Amino acid sequence: MKKFVALGDSFTEGVGDVDSTRPNQMRGWADRVAEVLCAEGDWEYANLAVRGKKIGQVINQQLDQVLALSPDLVTIYAGGNDILRPKADLDALMRGYEGMVRRFA
């Protein structure tokens, strides 16, 4: 069994992509990717993304959980909430992303 895990913020969670047939009333892009994977093979899926999270929160609250699942495929989308702040530090955001990717690699 292969594992696909998505982490990040509202974009990955699926906020704004309404689907009243779902328990959480959303069907985002990560859910759509998972549907294709699961239809074509032996995949499990977890979406750990939470709306409103910033990069540091994703790193501190989601990264270790994802690593513990030993996924075969990971998607990361976060940072939108960070850049909306008046004093966004883009270099720090990129260091956060690089650190996450390094841990998965």
N, C-alpha and C. Protein backbone atom coordinates (compact mmCIF):
# COMPACT_ATOMS: atom_id res chain seq x y z
N MET A 1 0.85 -1.18 0.00
CA MET A 1 0.00 0.00 0.00
C MET A 1 0.89 1.24 0.00
N LYS A 2 0.66 2.15 -0.93
CA LYS A 2 1.38 3.41 -0.99
C LYS A 2 0.58 4.48 -0.26
N LYS A 3 1.30 5.50 0.23
CA LYS A 3 0.66 6.58 0.98
C LYS A 3 0.93 7.93 0.35
N PHE A 4 -0.14 8.70 0.20
CA PHE A 4 -0.07 10.09 -0.26
C PHE A 4 -0.55 10.97 0.89
N VAL A 5 0.29 11.93 1.29
CA VAL A 5 -0.08 12.84 2.38
C VAL A 5 0.10 14.27 1.90
N ALA A 6 -0.91 15.08 2.16
CA ALA A 6 -0.89 16.50 1.81
C ALA A 6 -0.78 17.32 3.09
N LEU A 7 0.08 18.32 3.08
CA LEU A 7 0.17 19.21 4.23
C LEU A 7 0.16 20.65 3.75
N GLY A 8 -0.25 21.56 4.64
CA GLY A 8 -0.29 22.96 4.26
C GLY A 8 -1.41 23.72 4.93
N ASP A 9 -1.96 24.67 4.15
CA ASP A 9 -2.97 25.59 4.68
C ASP A 9 -4.31 25.38 3.97
N SER A 10 -5.15 26.40 3.97
CA SER A 10 -6.51 26.28 3.43
C SER A 10 -6.54 25.87 1.96
N PHE A 11 -5.55 26.27 1.20
CA PHE A 11 -5.52 25.92 -0.21
C PHE A 11 -5.48 24.41 -0.39
N THR A 12 -4.65 23.74 0.40
CA THR A 12 -4.56 22.29 0.34
C THR A 12 -5.75 21.64 1.02
N GLU A 13 -6.24 22.26 2.08
CA GLU A 13 -7.41 21.71 2.79
C GLU A 13 -8.62 21.65 1.86
N GLY A 14 -8.72 22.61 0.95
CA GLY A 14 -9.83 22.63 0.01
C GLY A 14 -10.83 23.74 0.24
N VAL A 15 -10.50 24.69 1.10
CA VAL A 15 -11.41 25.80 1.38
C VAL A 15 -11.74 26.53 0.08
N GLY A 16 -13.01 26.78 -0.13
CA GLY A 16 -13.46 27.47 -1.32
C GLY A 16 -13.88 26.54 -2.43
N ASP A 17 -13.59 25.26 -2.30
CA ASP A 17 -13.98 24.26 -3.30
C ASP A 17 -15.11 23.43 -2.68
N VAL A 18 -16.29 23.98 -2.71
CA VAL A 18 -17.44 23.42 -1.99
C VAL A 18 -17.94 22.13 -2.64
N ASP A 19 -18.19 21.14 -1.79
CA ASP A 19 -18.79 19.88 -2.22
C ASP A 19 -19.66 19.39 -1.08
N SER A 20 -20.95 19.58 -1.21
CA SER A 20 -21.87 19.25 -0.12
C SER A 20 -21.98 17.75 0.15
N THR A 21 -21.42 16.92 -0.72
CA THR A 21 -21.48 15.47 -0.49
C THR A 21 -20.36 14.98 0.43
N ARG A 22 -19.41 15.84 0.75
CA ARG A 22 -18.28 15.46 1.60
C ARG A 22 -18.56 15.77 3.06
N PRO A 23 -18.00 15.00 3.97
CA PRO A 23 -18.21 15.27 5.40
C PRO A 23 -17.77 16.68 5.82
N ASN A 24 -16.65 17.17 5.25
CA ASN A 24 -16.18 18.51 5.60
C ASN A 24 -16.68 19.58 4.62
N GLN A 25 -17.53 19.18 3.69
CA GLN A 25 -18.15 20.08 2.70
C GLN A 25 -17.16 20.66 1.70
N MET A 26 -15.95 20.06 1.58
CA MET A 26 -14.94 20.58 0.66
C MET A 26 -14.31 19.43 -0.13
N ARG A 27 -13.88 19.75 -1.34
CA ARG A 27 -13.14 18.79 -2.17
C ARG A 27 -12.09 19.58 -2.94
N GLY A 28 -10.93 19.71 -2.34
CA GLY A 28 -9.86 20.51 -2.91
C GLY A 28 -8.99 19.75 -3.89
N TRP A 29 -7.95 20.42 -4.35
CA TRP A 29 -7.06 19.83 -5.34
C TRP A 29 -6.38 18.57 -4.83
N ALA A 30 -6.00 18.53 -3.56
CA ALA A 30 -5.32 17.35 -3.03
C ALA A 30 -6.28 16.15 -3.01
N ASP A 31 -7.55 16.42 -2.69
CA ASP A 31 -8.55 15.35 -2.72
C ASP A 31 -8.71 14.80 -4.13
N ARG A 32 -8.66 15.69 -5.10
CA ARG A 32 -8.81 15.27 -6.50
C ARG A 32 -7.61 14.41 -6.95
N VAL A 33 -6.41 14.81 -6.55
CA VAL A 33 -5.21 14.01 -6.85
C VAL A 33 -5.35 12.63 -6.22
N ALA A 34 -5.77 12.60 -4.96
CA ALA A 34 -5.92 11.33 -4.25
C ALA A 34 -6.95 10.43 -4.93
N GLU A 35 -8.02 11.00 -5.42
CA GLU A 35 -9.04 10.20 -6.10
C GLU A 35 -8.47 9.50 -7.33
N VAL A 36 -7.64 10.22 -8.08
CA VAL A 36 -7.03 9.63 -9.27
C VAL A 36 -6.05 8.52 -8.87
N LEU A 37 -5.21 8.80 -7.88
CA LEU A 37 -4.25 7.80 -7.43
C LEU A 37 -4.96 6.55 -6.92
N CYS A 38 -5.95 6.75 -6.08
CA CYS A 38 -6.66 5.61 -5.48
C CYS A 38 -7.42 4.80 -6.53
N ALA A 39 -7.89 5.46 -7.57
CA ALA A 39 -8.61 4.76 -8.63
C ALA A 39 -7.68 3.90 -9.47
N GLU A 40 -6.41 4.29 -9.53
CA GLU A 40 -5.46 3.59 -10.39
C GLU A 40 -4.55 2.61 -9.66
N GLY A 41 -4.64 2.57 -8.35
CA GLY A 41 -3.73 1.68 -7.64
C GLY A 41 -4.05 1.56 -6.18
N ASP A 42 -3.07 1.06 -5.47
CA ASP A 42 -3.20 0.73 -4.06
C ASP A 42 -2.67 1.88 -3.20
N TRP A 43 -3.47 2.93 -3.01
CA TRP A 43 -3.04 4.13 -2.30
C TRP A 43 -3.92 4.40 -1.09
N GLU A 44 -3.29 4.96 -0.07
CA GLU A 44 -3.99 5.54 1.08
C GLU A 44 -3.74 7.04 1.03
N TYR A 45 -4.63 7.82 1.66
CA TYR A 45 -4.54 9.27 1.56
C TYR A 45 -4.87 9.93 2.89
N ALA A 46 -4.08 10.94 3.23
CA ALA A 46 -4.36 11.78 4.40
C ALA A 46 -4.08 13.22 4.02
N ASN A 47 -5.01 14.10 4.37
CA ASN A 47 -4.84 15.53 4.14
C ASN A 47 -4.77 16.18 5.52
N LEU A 48 -3.57 16.60 5.92
CA LEU A 48 -3.36 17.18 7.24
C LEU A 48 -3.41 18.71 7.22
N ALA A 49 -3.69 19.29 6.08
CA ALA A 49 -3.72 20.75 5.95
C ALA A 49 -4.83 21.36 6.81
N VAL A 50 -4.54 22.55 7.32
CA VAL A 50 -5.50 23.28 8.16
C VAL A 50 -5.51 24.74 7.74
N ARG A 51 -6.69 25.26 7.54
CA ARG A 51 -6.83 26.66 7.12
C ARG A 51 -6.19 27.61 8.12
N GLY A 52 -5.62 28.68 7.59
CA GLY A 52 -5.05 29.73 8.43
C GLY A 52 -3.62 29.49 8.87
N LYS A 53 -3.06 28.32 8.60
CA LYS A 53 -1.71 28.02 9.07
C LYS A 53 -0.66 28.77 8.26
N LYS A 54 0.38 29.19 8.97
CA LYS A 54 1.55 29.81 8.34
C LYS A 54 2.66 28.76 8.28
N ILE A 55 3.72 29.07 7.55
CA ILE A 55 4.80 28.11 7.33
C ILE A 55 5.33 27.52 8.63
N GLY A 56 5.62 28.36 9.60
CA GLY A 56 6.15 27.86 10.87
C GLY A 56 5.20 26.89 11.54
N GLN A 57 3.91 27.16 11.46
CA GLN A 57 2.93 26.27 12.05
C GLN A 57 2.84 24.95 11.30
N VAL A 58 2.93 25.01 9.99
CA VAL A 58 2.93 23.77 9.20
C VAL A 58 4.14 22.93 9.59
N ILE A 59 5.29 23.55 9.70
CA ILE A 59 6.50 22.83 10.08
C ILE A 59 6.35 22.23 11.47
N ASN A 60 5.89 23.04 12.42
CA ASN A 60 5.83 22.59 13.81
C ASN A 60 4.66 21.66 14.12
N GLN A 61 3.57 21.75 13.36
CA GLN A 61 2.38 20.99 13.70
C GLN A 61 2.06 19.85 12.72
N GLN A 62 2.60 19.89 11.52
CA GLN A 62 2.23 18.87 10.54
C GLN A 62 3.41 18.01 10.08
N LEU A 63 4.59 18.57 10.03
CA LEU A 63 5.73 17.88 9.44
C LEU A 63 6.04 16.55 10.12
N ASP A 64 6.17 16.54 11.44
CA ASP A 64 6.49 15.29 12.14
C ASP A 64 5.39 14.24 11.97
N GLN A 65 4.14 14.70 11.95
CA GLN A 65 3.03 13.76 11.73
C GLN A 65 3.14 13.09 10.37
N VAL A 66 3.48 13.88 9.37
CA VAL A 66 3.61 13.34 8.02
C VAL A 66 4.80 12.38 7.94
N LEU A 67 5.92 12.77 8.50
CA LEU A 67 7.09 11.90 8.50
C LEU A 67 6.79 10.57 9.19
N ALA A 68 6.02 10.60 10.26
CA ALA A 68 5.67 9.37 11.00
C ALA A 68 4.84 8.41 10.14
N LEU A 69 4.15 8.94 9.15
CA LEU A 69 3.33 8.09 8.28
C LEU A 69 4.16 7.42 7.18
N SER A 70 5.40 7.82 7.01
CA SER A 70 6.30 7.28 5.97
C SER A 70 5.64 7.30 4.59
N PRO A 71 5.25 8.47 4.12
CA PRO A 71 4.54 8.54 2.83
C PRO A 71 5.45 8.28 1.64
N ASP A 72 4.83 7.82 0.56
CA ASP A 72 5.52 7.65 -0.71
C ASP A 72 5.45 8.93 -1.54
N LEU A 73 4.40 9.72 -1.32
CA LEU A 73 4.20 10.96 -2.04
C LEU A 73 3.71 12.01 -1.04
N VAL A 74 4.33 13.19 -1.11
CA VAL A 74 3.95 14.30 -0.22
C VAL A 74 3.76 15.55 -1.07
N THR A 75 2.74 16.32 -0.73
CA THR A 75 2.59 17.63 -1.33
C THR A 75 2.61 18.66 -0.21
N ILE A 76 3.23 19.79 -0.50
CA ILE A 76 3.33 20.88 0.46
C ILE A 76 2.85 22.15 -0.23
N TYR A 77 1.86 22.77 0.35
CA TYR A 77 1.45 24.10 -0.13
C TYR A 77 1.13 24.93 1.10
N ALA A 78 1.91 25.95 1.33
CA ALA A 78 1.69 26.88 2.44
C ALA A 78 2.47 28.14 2.11
N GLY A 79 2.20 29.18 2.86
CA GLY A 79 2.91 30.43 2.67
C GLY A 79 2.02 31.59 2.30
N GLY A 80 0.85 31.29 1.76
CA GLY A 80 -0.07 32.35 1.39
C GLY A 80 -0.46 33.22 2.57
N ASN A 81 -0.65 32.58 3.72
CA ASN A 81 -1.01 33.34 4.92
C ASN A 81 0.16 34.17 5.43
N ASP A 82 1.37 33.71 5.16
CA ASP A 82 2.56 34.46 5.57
C ASP A 82 2.74 35.72 4.73
N ILE A 83 2.56 35.60 3.43
CA ILE A 83 2.84 36.75 2.56
C ILE A 83 1.76 37.82 2.65
N LEU A 84 0.65 37.51 3.27
CA LEU A 84 -0.39 38.51 3.48
C LEU A 84 -0.06 39.46 4.63
N ARG A 85 0.95 39.11 5.40
CA ARG A 85 1.36 39.94 6.53
C ARG A 85 2.18 41.12 6.03
N PRO A 86 2.09 42.27 6.71
CA PRO A 86 2.80 43.47 6.25
C PRO A 86 4.32 43.30 6.16
N LYS A 87 4.90 42.49 7.01
CA LYS A 87 6.37 42.36 7.01
C LYS A 87 6.77 40.92 6.73
N ALA A 88 6.32 40.38 5.63
CA ALA A 88 6.65 39.00 5.27
C ALA A 88 8.13 38.89 4.94
N ASP A 89 8.76 37.87 5.49
CA ASP A 89 10.18 37.60 5.22
C ASP A 89 10.26 36.44 4.23
N LEU A 90 10.35 36.76 2.96
CA LEU A 90 10.34 35.73 1.92
C LEU A 90 11.54 34.79 2.03
N ASP A 91 12.68 35.31 2.44
CA ASP A 91 13.85 34.45 2.60
C ASP A 91 13.61 33.42 3.70
N ALA A 92 12.99 33.83 4.79
CA ALA A 92 12.68 32.89 5.87
C ALA A 92 11.65 31.86 5.41
N LEU A 93 10.68 32.29 4.61
CA LEU A 93 9.69 31.34 4.08
C LEU A 93 10.38 30.27 3.23
N MET A 94 11.28 30.71 2.38
CA MET A 94 11.98 29.75 1.52
C MET A 94 12.87 28.82 2.32
N ARG A 95 13.49 29.33 3.36
CA ARG A 95 14.29 28.46 4.23
C ARG A 95 13.39 27.41 4.89
N GLY A 96 12.19 27.81 5.28
CA GLY A 96 11.24 26.86 5.86
C GLY A 96 10.87 25.77 4.88
N TYR A 97 10.56 26.16 3.65
CA TYR A 97 10.25 25.19 2.61
C TYR A 97 11.43 24.25 2.36
N GLU A 98 12.60 24.84 2.22
CA GLU A 98 13.80 24.03 1.96
C GLU A 98 14.04 23.02 3.08
N GLY A 99 13.84 23.46 4.30
CA GLY A 99 14.02 22.56 5.44
C GLY A 99 13.04 21.40 5.40
N MET A 100 11.79 21.68 5.04
CA MET A 100 10.80 20.60 4.94
C MET A 100 11.18 19.61 3.85
N VAL A 101 11.52 20.13 2.69
CA VAL A 101 11.89 19.26 1.57
C VAL A 101 13.10 18.42 1.93
N ARG A 102 14.08 19.03 2.58
CA ARG A 102 15.27 18.30 3.01
C ARG A 102 14.91 17.15 3.94
N ARG A 103 14.00 17.38 4.87
CA ARG A 103 13.59 16.31 5.80
C ARG A 103 12.91 15.16 5.07
N PHE A 104 12.12 15.47 4.05
CA PHE A 104 11.48 14.40 3.28
C PHE A 104 12.49 13.66 2.40
N ALA A 105 13.43 14.41 1.86
CA ALA A 105 14.43 13.78 0.98
C ALA A 105 15.31 12.84 1.78
